[in-house]
PDB file of all heavy atoms in Angstrom:
ATOM      1  N   LYS A   1      -0.557   7.733  20.136  1.00  0.00           N
ATOM      2  CA  LYS A   1       0.612   8.206  19.447  1.00  0.00           C
ATOM      3  C   LYS A   1       0.769   7.704  18.075  1.00  0.00           C
ATOM      4  O   LYS A   1       1.179   8.409  17.180  1.00  0.00           O
ATOM      5  CB  LYS A   1       1.909   7.860  20.327  1.00  0.00           C
ATOM      6  CG  LYS A   1       1.960   8.639  21.619  1.00  0.00           C
ATOM      7  CD  LYS A   1       3.187   8.239  22.413  1.00  0.00           C
ATOM      8  CE  LYS A   1       3.249   9.037  23.697  1.00  0.00           C
ATOM      9  NZ  LYS A   1       4.378   8.540  24.606  1.00  0.00           N
ATOM     10  N   MET A   2       0.390   6.462  17.900  1.00  0.00           N
ATOM     11  CA  MET A   2       0.495   5.848  16.545  1.00  0.00           C
ATOM     12  C   MET A   2      -0.532   6.515  15.606  1.00  0.00           C
ATOM     13  O   MET A   2      -0.261   6.701  14.457  1.00  0.00           O
ATOM     14  CB  MET A   2       0.289   4.363  16.583  1.00  0.00           C
ATOM     15  CG  MET A   2       1.451   3.628  17.035  1.00  0.00           C
ATOM     16  SD  MET A   2       1.316   1.823  16.961  1.00  0.00           S
ATOM     17  CE  MET A   2       0.390   1.534  18.402  1.00  0.00           C
ATOM     18  N   SER A   3      -1.665   6.920  16.148  1.00  0.00           N
ATOM     19  CA  SER A   3      -2.642   7.588  15.334  1.00  0.00           C
ATOM     20  C   SER A   3      -2.148   8.905  14.861  1.00  0.00           C
ATOM     21  O   SER A   3      -2.376   9.274  13.659  1.00  0.00           O
ATOM     22  CB  SER A   3      -3.886   7.826  16.199  1.00  0.00           C
ATOM     23  OG  SER A   3      -4.843   8.505  15.422  1.00  0.00           O
ATOM     24  N   GLN A   4      -1.378   9.595  15.658  1.00  0.00           N
ATOM     25  CA  GLN A   4      -0.769  10.890  15.198  1.00  0.00           C
ATOM     26  C   GLN A   4       0.268  10.694  14.080  1.00  0.00           C
ATOM     27  O   GLN A   4       0.260  11.375  13.138  1.00  0.00           O
ATOM     28  CB  GLN A   4      -0.062  11.589  16.361  1.00  0.00           C
ATOM     29  CG  GLN A   4      -1.028  12.107  17.455  1.00  0.00           C
ATOM     30  CD  GLN A   4      -0.315  12.476  18.724  1.00  0.00           C
ATOM     31  OE1 GLN A   4       0.865  12.773  18.717  1.00  0.00           O
ATOM     32  NE2 GLN A   4      -0.957  12.412  19.888  1.00  0.00           N
ATOM     33  N   ALA A   5       1.082   9.643  14.255  1.00  0.00           N
ATOM     34  CA  ALA A   5       2.093   9.293  13.179  1.00  0.00           C
ATOM     35  C   ALA A   5       1.360   8.862  11.935  1.00  0.00           C
ATOM     36  O   ALA A   5       1.759   9.204  10.814  1.00  0.00           O
ATOM     37  CB  ALA A   5       3.039   8.188  13.726  1.00  0.00           C
ATOM     38  N   ALA A   6       0.273   8.077  12.060  1.00  0.00           N
ATOM     39  CA  ALA A   6      -0.483   7.646  10.877  1.00  0.00           C
ATOM     40  C   ALA A   6      -1.103   8.759  10.106  1.00  0.00           C
ATOM     41  O   ALA A   6      -1.139   8.656   8.847  1.00  0.00           O
ATOM     42  CB  ALA A   6      -1.574   6.631  11.332  1.00  0.00           C
ATOM     43  N   ALA A   7      -1.445   9.817  10.773  1.00  0.00           N
ATOM     44  CA  ALA A   7      -2.030  11.016  10.055  1.00  0.00           C
ATOM     45  C   ALA A   7      -1.013  11.586   9.133  1.00  0.00           C
ATOM     46  O   ALA A   7      -1.343  11.989   8.013  1.00  0.00           O
ATOM     47  CB  ALA A   7      -2.456  12.090  11.113  1.00  0.00           C
ATOM     48  N   HIS A   8       0.247  11.631   9.538  1.00  0.00           N
ATOM     49  CA  HIS A   8       1.303  12.074   8.653  1.00  0.00           C
ATOM     50  C   HIS A   8       1.491  11.216   7.411  1.00  0.00           C
ATOM     51  O   HIS A   8       1.575  11.613   6.288  1.00  0.00           O
ATOM     52  CB  HIS A   8       2.633  12.235   9.380  1.00  0.00           C
ATOM     53  CG  HIS A   8       3.818  12.407   8.519  1.00  0.00           C
ATOM     54  ND1 HIS A   8       4.167  13.595   7.898  1.00  0.00           N
ATOM     55  CD2 HIS A   8       4.800  11.520   8.097  1.00  0.00           C
ATOM     56  CE1 HIS A   8       5.281  13.381   7.145  1.00  0.00           C
ATOM     57  NE2 HIS A   8       5.587  12.149   7.237  1.00  0.00           N
ATOM     58  N   PHE A   9       1.510   9.894   7.680  1.00  0.00           N
ATOM     59  CA  PHE A   9       1.838   8.914   6.638  1.00  0.00           C
ATOM     60  C   PHE A   9       0.663   8.718   5.681  1.00  0.00           C
ATOM     61  O   PHE A   9       0.889   8.259   4.605  1.00  0.00           O
ATOM     62  CB  PHE A   9       2.350   7.605   7.201  1.00  0.00           C
ATOM     63  CG  PHE A   9       3.833   7.746   7.596  1.00  0.00           C
ATOM     64  CD1 PHE A   9       4.141   7.847   8.889  1.00  0.00           C
ATOM     65  CD2 PHE A   9       4.827   7.737   6.633  1.00  0.00           C
ATOM     66  CE1 PHE A   9       5.514   7.951   9.280  1.00  0.00           C
ATOM     67  CE2 PHE A   9       6.108   7.877   7.006  1.00  0.00           C
ATOM     68  CZ  PHE A   9       6.485   8.023   8.298  1.00  0.00           C
ATOM     69  N   ARG A  10      -0.532   9.144   6.078  1.00  0.00           N
ATOM     70  CA  ARG A  10      -1.676   9.094   5.116  1.00  0.00           C
ATOM     71  C   ARG A  10      -1.399  10.043   3.977  1.00  0.00           C
ATOM     72  O   ARG A  10      -1.740   9.764   2.806  1.00  0.00           O
ATOM     73  CB  ARG A  10      -2.961   9.450   5.815  1.00  0.00           C
ATOM     74  CG  ARG A  10      -3.720   8.227   6.334  1.00  0.00           C
ATOM     75  CD  ARG A  10      -5.164   8.567   6.713  1.00  0.00           C
ATOM     76  NE  ARG A  10      -5.257   9.437   7.927  1.00  0.00           N
ATOM     77  CZ  ARG A  10      -5.189   8.988   9.143  1.00  0.00           C
ATOM     78  NH1 ARG A  10      -5.076   7.688   9.385  1.00  0.00           N
ATOM     79  NH2 ARG A  10      -5.324   9.874  10.106  1.00  0.00           N
ATOM     80  N   LYS A  11      -0.771  11.235   4.246  1.00  0.00           N
ATOM     81  CA  LYS A  11      -0.473  12.191   3.249  1.00  0.00           C
ATOM     82  C   LYS A  11       0.596  11.690   2.320  1.00  0.00           C
ATOM     83  O   LYS A  11       0.619  11.795   1.135  1.00  0.00           O
ATOM     84  CB  LYS A  11      -0.036  13.508   3.894  1.00  0.00           C
ATOM     85  CG  LYS A  11      -1.136  14.237   4.614  1.00  0.00           C
ATOM     86  CD  LYS A  11      -0.610  15.360   5.427  1.00  0.00           C
ATOM     87  CE  LYS A  11      -1.630  15.938   6.325  1.00  0.00           C
ATOM     88  NZ  LYS A  11      -1.064  16.988   7.243  1.00  0.00           N
ATOM     89  N   VAL A  12       1.651  10.985   2.974  1.00  0.00           N
ATOM     90  CA  VAL A  12       2.698  10.360   2.185  1.00  0.00           C
ATOM     91  C   VAL A  12       2.155   9.304   1.234  1.00  0.00           C
ATOM     92  O   VAL A  12       2.493   9.255   0.081  1.00  0.00           O
ATOM     93  CB  VAL A  12       3.756   9.729   3.156  1.00  0.00           C
ATOM     94  CG1 VAL A  12       4.846   8.978   2.325  1.00  0.00           C
ATOM     95  CG2 VAL A  12       4.408  10.829   4.011  1.00  0.00           C
ATOM     96  N   ALA A  13       1.262   8.512   1.779  1.00  0.00           N
ATOM     97  CA  ALA A  13       0.698   7.399   0.929  1.00  0.00           C
ATOM     98  C   ALA A  13      -0.090   7.943  -0.240  1.00  0.00           C
ATOM     99  O   ALA A  13      -0.019   7.447  -1.352  1.00  0.00           O
ATOM    100  CB  ALA A  13      -0.191   6.455   1.827  1.00  0.00           C
ATOM    101  N   GLN A  14      -0.808   9.051   0.064  1.00  0.00           N
ATOM    102  CA  GLN A  14      -1.615   9.681  -1.068  1.00  0.00           C
ATOM    103  C   GLN A  14      -0.704  10.222  -2.105  1.00  0.00           C
ATOM    104  O   GLN A  14      -0.962  10.000  -3.290  1.00  0.00           O
ATOM    105  CB  GLN A  14      -2.444  10.853  -0.448  1.00  0.00           C
ATOM    106  CG  GLN A  14      -3.425  11.415  -1.390  1.00  0.00           C
ATOM    107  CD  GLN A  14      -4.404  10.369  -2.025  1.00  0.00           C
ATOM    108  OE1 GLN A  14      -4.906   9.431  -1.334  1.00  0.00           O
ATOM    109  NE2 GLN A  14      -4.664  10.431  -3.330  1.00  0.00           N
ATOM    110  N   ARG A  15       0.431  10.823  -1.753  1.00  0.00           N
ATOM    111  CA  ARG A  15       1.389  11.350  -2.713  1.00  0.00           C
ATOM    112  C   ARG A  15       1.938  10.160  -3.592  1.00  0.00           C
ATOM    113  O   ARG A  15       2.094  10.302  -4.778  1.00  0.00           O
ATOM    114  CB  ARG A  15       2.526  12.068  -2.082  1.00  0.00           C
ATOM    115  CG  ARG A  15       2.218  13.480  -1.612  1.00  0.00           C
ATOM    116  CD  ARG A  15       3.447  14.368  -1.461  1.00  0.00           C
ATOM    117  NE  ARG A  15       4.506  13.700  -0.629  1.00  0.00           N
ATOM    118  CZ  ARG A  15       4.566  13.885   0.610  1.00  0.00           C
ATOM    119  NH1 ARG A  15       3.616  14.546   1.334  1.00  0.00           N
ATOM    120  NH2 ARG A  15       5.542  13.293   1.347  1.00  0.00           N
ATOM    121  N   LEU A  16       2.278   9.069  -2.924  1.00  0.00           N
ATOM    122  CA  LEU A  16       2.832   7.963  -3.621  1.00  0.00           C
ATOM    123  C   LEU A  16       1.837   7.354  -4.622  1.00  0.00           C
ATOM    124  O   LEU A  16       2.153   6.911  -5.741  1.00  0.00           O
ATOM    125  CB  LEU A  16       3.285   6.874  -2.636  1.00  0.00           C
ATOM    126  CG  LEU A  16       4.557   7.131  -1.752  1.00  0.00           C
ATOM    127  CD1 LEU A  16       4.681   6.185  -0.695  1.00  0.00           C
ATOM    128  CD2 LEU A  16       5.785   7.313  -2.570  1.00  0.00           C
ATOM    129  N   LYS A  17       0.556   7.324  -4.214  1.00  0.00           N
ATOM    130  CA  LYS A  17      -0.494   6.766  -5.102  1.00  0.00           C
ATOM    131  C   LYS A  17      -0.638   7.687  -6.332  1.00  0.00           C
ATOM    132  O   LYS A  17      -0.794   7.220  -7.437  1.00  0.00           O
ATOM    133  CB  LYS A  17      -1.837   6.679  -4.371  1.00  0.00           C
ATOM    134  CG  LYS A  17      -1.823   5.518  -3.387  1.00  0.00           C
ATOM    135  CD  LYS A  17      -3.142   5.550  -2.529  1.00  0.00           C
ATOM    136  CE  LYS A  17      -3.095   4.498  -1.439  1.00  0.00           C
ATOM    137  NZ  LYS A  17      -4.137   4.684  -0.477  1.00  0.00           N
ATOM    138  N   GLU A  18      -0.636   9.022  -6.074  1.00  0.00           N
ATOM    139  CA  GLU A  18      -0.800   9.957  -7.161  1.00  0.00           C
ATOM    140  C   GLU A  18       0.353   9.894  -8.134  1.00  0.00           C
ATOM    141  O   GLU A  18       0.250  10.107  -9.363  1.00  0.00           O
ATOM    142  CB  GLU A  18      -0.985  11.379  -6.580  1.00  0.00           C
ATOM    143  CG  GLU A  18      -2.306  11.581  -5.936  1.00  0.00           C
ATOM    144  CD  GLU A  18      -2.464  12.838  -5.122  1.00  0.00           C
ATOM    145  OE1 GLU A  18      -1.377  13.607  -5.032  1.00  0.00           O
ATOM    146  OE2 GLU A  18      -3.426  13.102  -4.513  1.00  0.00           O
ATOM    147  N   ALA A  19       1.541   9.593  -7.553  1.00  0.00           N
ATOM    148  CA  ALA A  19       2.738   9.516  -8.457  1.00  0.00           C
ATOM    149  C   ALA A  19       2.870   8.177  -9.151  1.00  0.00           C
ATOM    150  O   ALA A  19       3.759   7.991 -10.015  1.00  0.00           O
ATOM    151  CB  ALA A  19       4.006   9.736  -7.592  1.00  0.00           C
ATOM    152  N   GLY A  20       1.945   7.248  -8.831  1.00  0.00           N
ATOM    153  CA  GLY A  20       2.025   5.959  -9.463  1.00  0.00           C
ATOM    154  C   GLY A  20       3.042   4.973  -8.811  1.00  0.00           C
ATOM    155  O   GLY A  20       3.261   3.847  -9.307  1.00  0.00           O
ATOM    156  N   SER A  21       3.646   5.405  -7.682  1.00  0.00           N
ATOM    157  CA  SER A  21       4.612   4.506  -7.034  1.00  0.00           C
ATOM    158  C   SER A  21       3.916   3.393  -6.256  1.00  0.00           C
ATOM    159  O   SER A  21       4.505   2.331  -6.055  1.00  0.00           O
ATOM    160  CB  SER A  21       5.449   5.337  -6.041  1.00  0.00           C
ATOM    161  OG  SER A  21       6.142   6.347  -6.741  1.00  0.00           O
ATOM    162  N   LEU A  22       2.727   3.602  -5.854  1.00  0.00           N
ATOM    163  CA  LEU A  22       1.912   2.526  -5.207  1.00  0.00           C
ATOM    164  C   LEU A  22       0.920   2.024  -6.144  1.00  0.00           C
ATOM    165  O   LEU A  22      -0.112   2.651  -6.472  1.00  0.00           O
ATOM    166  CB  LEU A  22       1.187   3.114  -3.935  1.00  0.00           C
ATOM    167  CG  LEU A  22       2.043   3.188  -2.624  1.00  0.00           C
ATOM    168  CD1 LEU A  22       1.154   3.764  -1.494  1.00  0.00           C
ATOM    169  CD2 LEU A  22       2.544   1.850  -2.230  1.00  0.00           C
ATOM    170  N   ASP A  23       1.239   0.890  -6.770  1.00  0.00           N
ATOM    171  CA  ASP A  23       0.332   0.321  -7.812  1.00  0.00           C
ATOM    172  C   ASP A  23      -0.814  -0.441  -7.140  1.00  0.00           C
ATOM    173  O   ASP A  23      -0.606  -1.234  -6.237  1.00  0.00           O
ATOM    174  CB  ASP A  23       1.108  -0.686  -8.682  1.00  0.00           C
ATOM    175  CG  ASP A  23       0.391  -1.068  -9.899  1.00  0.00           C
ATOM    176  OD1 ASP A  23      -0.650  -1.775  -9.745  1.00  0.00           O
ATOM    177  OD2 ASP A  23       0.842  -0.749 -11.015  1.00  0.00           O
ATOM    178  N   PRO A  24      -2.066  -0.254  -7.556  1.00  0.00           N
ATOM    179  CA  PRO A  24      -3.184  -0.877  -6.973  1.00  0.00           C
ATOM    180  C   PRO A  24      -3.044  -2.446  -6.933  1.00  0.00           C
ATOM    181  O   PRO A  24      -3.598  -3.073  -6.003  1.00  0.00           O
ATOM    182  CB  PRO A  24      -4.411  -0.471  -7.831  1.00  0.00           C
ATOM    183  CG  PRO A  24      -3.982   0.769  -8.514  1.00  0.00           C
ATOM    184  CD  PRO A  24      -2.494   0.692  -8.609  1.00  0.00           C
ATOM    185  N   LYS A  25      -2.329  -2.999  -7.848  1.00  0.00           N
ATOM    186  CA  LYS A  25      -2.160  -4.440  -7.915  1.00  0.00           C
ATOM    187  C   LYS A  25      -1.501  -4.989  -6.653  1.00  0.00           C
ATOM    188  O   LYS A  25      -1.659  -6.115  -6.247  1.00  0.00           O
ATOM    189  CB  LYS A  25      -1.368  -4.856  -9.112  1.00  0.00           C
ATOM    190  CG  LYS A  25      -2.135  -4.894 -10.486  1.00  0.00           C
ATOM    191  CD  LYS A  25      -1.340  -5.534 -11.536  1.00  0.00           C
ATOM    192  CE  LYS A  25      -2.052  -5.585 -12.840  1.00  0.00           C
ATOM    193  NZ  LYS A  25      -2.152  -4.368 -13.538  1.00  0.00           N
ATOM    194  N   VAL A  26      -0.608  -4.188  -6.040  1.00  0.00           N
ATOM    195  CA  VAL A  26       0.099  -4.685  -4.859  1.00  0.00           C
ATOM    196  C   VAL A  26      -0.462  -4.109  -3.545  1.00  0.00           C
ATOM    197  O   VAL A  26       0.047  -4.521  -2.488  1.00  0.00           O
ATOM    198  CB  VAL A  26       1.671  -4.310  -4.940  1.00  0.00           C
ATOM    199  CG1 VAL A  26       2.270  -4.935  -6.136  1.00  0.00           C
ATOM    200  CG2 VAL A  26       1.871  -2.816  -4.931  1.00  0.00           C
ATOM    201  N   LEU A  27      -1.562  -3.367  -3.637  1.00  0.00           N
ATOM    202  CA  LEU A  27      -2.134  -2.858  -2.418  1.00  0.00           C
ATOM    203  C   LEU A  27      -3.240  -3.792  -1.844  1.00  0.00           C
ATOM    204  O   LEU A  27      -3.528  -3.784  -0.665  1.00  0.00           O
ATOM    205  CB  LEU A  27      -2.806  -1.494  -2.671  1.00  0.00           C
ATOM    206  CG  LEU A  27      -1.785  -0.322  -2.833  1.00  0.00           C
ATOM    207  CD1 LEU A  27      -2.539   0.949  -3.254  1.00  0.00           C
ATOM    208  CD2 LEU A  27      -1.022  -0.071  -1.612  1.00  0.00           C
ATOM    209  N   ASN A  28      -3.844  -4.601  -2.773  1.00  0.00           N
ATOM    210  CA  ASN A  28      -4.955  -5.377  -2.386  1.00  0.00           C
ATOM    211  C   ASN A  28      -4.558  -6.767  -2.058  1.00  0.00           C
ATOM    212  O   ASN A  28      -3.439  -7.286  -2.389  1.00  0.00           O
ATOM    213  CB  ASN A  28      -6.006  -5.388  -3.485  1.00  0.00           C
ATOM    214  CG  ASN A  28      -6.505  -3.988  -3.820  1.00  0.00           C
ATOM    215  OD1 ASN A  28      -6.698  -3.118  -2.927  1.00  0.00           O
ATOM    216  ND2 ASN A  28      -6.706  -3.734  -5.104  1.00  0.00           N
ATOM    217  N   VAL A  29      -5.458  -7.481  -1.296  1.00  0.00           N
ATOM    218  CA  VAL A  29      -5.243  -8.919  -1.109  1.00  0.00           C
ATOM    219  C   VAL A  29      -5.351  -9.659  -2.319  1.00  0.00           C
ATOM    220  O   VAL A  29      -6.230  -9.485  -3.185  1.00  0.00           O
ATOM    221  CB  VAL A  29      -6.312  -9.408  -0.078  1.00  0.00           C
ATOM    222  CG1 VAL A  29      -6.338 -10.977  -0.036  1.00  0.00           C
ATOM    223  CG2 VAL A  29      -6.053  -8.900   1.272  1.00  0.00           C
ATOM    224  N   ASP A  30      -4.424 -10.641  -2.605  1.00  0.00           N
ATOM    225  CA  ASP A  30      -4.475 -11.485  -3.791  1.00  0.00           C
ATOM    226  C   ASP A  30      -4.163 -12.899  -3.326  1.00  0.00           C
ATOM    227  O   ASP A  30      -3.056 -13.291  -3.141  1.00  0.00           O
ATOM    228  CB  ASP A  30      -3.477 -11.059  -4.881  1.00  0.00           C
ATOM    229  CG  ASP A  30      -3.600 -11.799  -6.184  1.00  0.00           C
ATOM    230  OD1 ASP A  30      -4.390 -12.804  -6.171  1.00  0.00           O
ATOM    231  OD2 ASP A  30      -2.904 -11.472  -7.146  1.00  0.00           O
ATOM    232  N   THR A  31      -5.233 -13.730  -3.179  1.00  0.00           N
ATOM    233  CA  THR A  31      -5.033 -15.127  -2.691  1.00  0.00           C
ATOM    234  C   THR A  31      -4.345 -15.981  -3.732  1.00  0.00           C
ATOM    235  O   THR A  31      -3.934 -17.053  -3.408  1.00  0.00           O
ATOM    236  CB  THR A  31      -6.404 -15.731  -2.352  1.00  0.00           C
ATOM    237  OG1 THR A  31      -7.282 -15.577  -3.412  1.00  0.00           O
ATOM    238  CG2 THR A  31      -6.965 -15.021  -1.092  1.00  0.00           C
ATOM    239  N   ASN A  32      -4.226 -15.461  -4.981  1.00  0.00           N
ATOM    240  CA  ASN A  32      -3.463 -16.205  -6.002  1.00  0.00           C
ATOM    241  C   ASN A  32      -2.000 -16.469  -5.491  1.00  0.00           C
ATOM    242  O   ASN A  32      -1.353 -17.338  -5.977  1.00  0.00           O
ATOM    243  CB  ASN A  32      -3.461 -15.494  -7.330  1.00  0.00           C
ATOM    244  CG  ASN A  32      -4.762 -15.725  -8.056  1.00  0.00           C
ATOM    245  OD1 ASN A  32      -5.268 -16.840  -8.141  1.00  0.00           O
ATOM    246  ND2 ASN A  32      -5.309 -14.688  -8.652  1.00  0.00           N
ATOM    247  N   THR A  33      -1.527 -15.534  -4.638  1.00  0.00           N
ATOM    248  CA  THR A  33      -0.177 -15.712  -4.096  1.00  0.00           C
ATOM    249  C   THR A  33       0.015 -17.075  -3.481  1.00  0.00           C
ATOM    250  O   THR A  33       1.065 -17.646  -3.484  1.00  0.00           O
ATOM    251  CB  THR A  33       0.123 -14.604  -3.103  1.00  0.00           C
ATOM    252  OG1 THR A  33      -0.109 -13.354  -3.734  1.00  0.00           O
ATOM    253  CG2 THR A  33       1.568 -14.653  -2.625  1.00  0.00           C
ATOM    254  N   LEU A  34      -1.077 -17.612  -2.861  1.00  0.00           N
ATOM    255  CA  LEU A  34      -0.964 -18.938  -2.264  1.00  0.00           C
ATOM    256  C   LEU A  34      -0.698 -19.983  -3.290  1.00  0.00           C
ATOM    257  O   LEU A  34      -0.137 -21.030  -3.022  1.00  0.00           O
ATOM    258  CB  LEU A  34      -2.230 -19.216  -1.476  1.00  0.00           C
ATOM    259  CG  LEU A  34      -2.487 -18.444  -0.268  1.00  0.00           C
ATOM    260  CD1 LEU A  34      -3.879 -18.614   0.303  1.00  0.00           C
ATOM    261  CD2 LEU A  34      -1.415 -18.677   0.834  1.00  0.00           C
ATOM    262  N   LEU A  35      -1.151 -19.730  -4.539  1.00  0.00           N
ATOM    263  CA  LEU A  35      -0.872 -20.651  -5.620  1.00  0.00           C
ATOM    264  C   LEU A  35       0.457 -20.396  -6.294  1.00  0.00           C
ATOM    265  O   LEU A  35       1.188 -21.369  -6.665  1.00  0.00           O
ATOM    266  CB  LEU A  35      -1.976 -20.568  -6.655  1.00  0.00           C
ATOM    267  CG  LEU A  35      -3.474 -20.791  -6.185  1.00  0.00           C
ATOM    268  CD1 LEU A  35      -4.351 -20.513  -7.304  1.00  0.00           C
ATOM    269  CD2 LEU A  35      -3.579 -22.214  -5.665  1.00  0.00           C
ATOM    270  N   TYR A  36       0.767 -19.129  -6.520  1.00  0.00           N
ATOM    271  CA  TYR A  36       1.963 -18.789  -7.291  1.00  0.00           C
ATOM    272  C   TYR A  36       3.190 -18.585  -6.462  1.00  0.00           C
ATOM    273  O   TYR A  36       4.348 -18.544  -6.961  1.00  0.00           O
ATOM    274  CB  TYR A  36       1.726 -17.544  -8.155  1.00  0.00           C
ATOM    275  CG  TYR A  36       0.509 -17.658  -9.006  1.00  0.00           C
ATOM    276  CD1 TYR A  36      -0.501 -16.644  -9.026  1.00  0.00           C
ATOM    277  CD2 TYR A  36       0.286 -18.813  -9.778  1.00  0.00           C
ATOM    278  CE1 TYR A  36      -1.605 -16.748  -9.885  1.00  0.00           C
ATOM    279  CE2 TYR A  36      -0.812 -18.892 -10.635  1.00  0.00           C
ATOM    280  CZ  TYR A  36      -1.775 -17.894 -10.657  1.00  0.00           C
ATOM    281  OH  TYR A  36      -2.868 -18.023 -11.406  1.00  0.00           O
ATOM    282  N   GLN A  37       2.998 -18.300  -5.111  1.00  0.00           N
ATOM    283  CA  GLN A  37       4.119 -18.101  -4.156  1.00  0.00           C
ATOM    284  C   GLN A  37       5.059 -16.961  -4.512  1.00  0.00           C
ATOM    285  O   GLN A  37       6.297 -17.094  -4.447  1.00  0.00           O
ATOM    286  CB  GLN A  37       4.853 -19.442  -4.013  1.00  0.00           C
ATOM    287  CG  GLN A  37       3.977 -20.608  -3.662  1.00  0.00           C
ATOM    288  CD  GLN A  37       4.717 -21.905  -3.462  1.00  0.00           C
ATOM    289  OE1 GLN A  37       5.943 -21.990  -3.613  1.00  0.00           O
ATOM    290  NE2 GLN A  37       3.991 -22.925  -3.131  1.00  0.00           N
ATOM    291  N   VAL A  38       4.464 -15.859  -4.910  1.00  0.00           N
ATOM    292  CA  VAL A  38       5.301 -14.731  -5.375  1.00  0.00           C
ATOM    293  C   VAL A  38       5.284 -13.663  -4.316  1.00  0.00           C
ATOM    294  O   VAL A  38       4.258 -13.131  -3.898  1.00  0.00           O
ATOM    295  CB  VAL A  38       4.662 -14.097  -6.686  1.00  0.00           C
ATOM    296  CG1 VAL A  38       5.481 -12.929  -7.160  1.00  0.00           C
ATOM    297  CG2 VAL A  38       4.615 -15.171  -7.784  1.00  0.00           C
ATOM    298  N   PRO A  39       6.513 -13.214  -3.819  1.00  0.00           N
ATOM    299  CA  PRO A  39       6.582 -12.169  -2.819  1.00  0.00           C
ATOM    300  C   PRO A  39       6.342 -10.788  -3.392  1.00  0.00           C
ATOM    301  O   PRO A  39       6.423 -10.608  -4.640  1.00  0.00           O
ATOM    302  CB  PRO A  39       8.035 -12.227  -2.286  1.00  0.00           C
ATOM    303  CG  PRO A  39       8.791 -12.931  -3.404  1.00  0.00           C
ATOM    304  CD  PRO A  39       7.808 -13.832  -4.114  1.00  0.00           C
TER     305      PRO A  39
END
């Protein structure tokens, strides 16, 4: 059931990326957060 819901939200995520609302800087792992402690 979660797989079916995820199929819908993949399209939503793609639209957000294309619109620039999902910035690549916040999508990836950044271990610097352990140093800077930034949420």
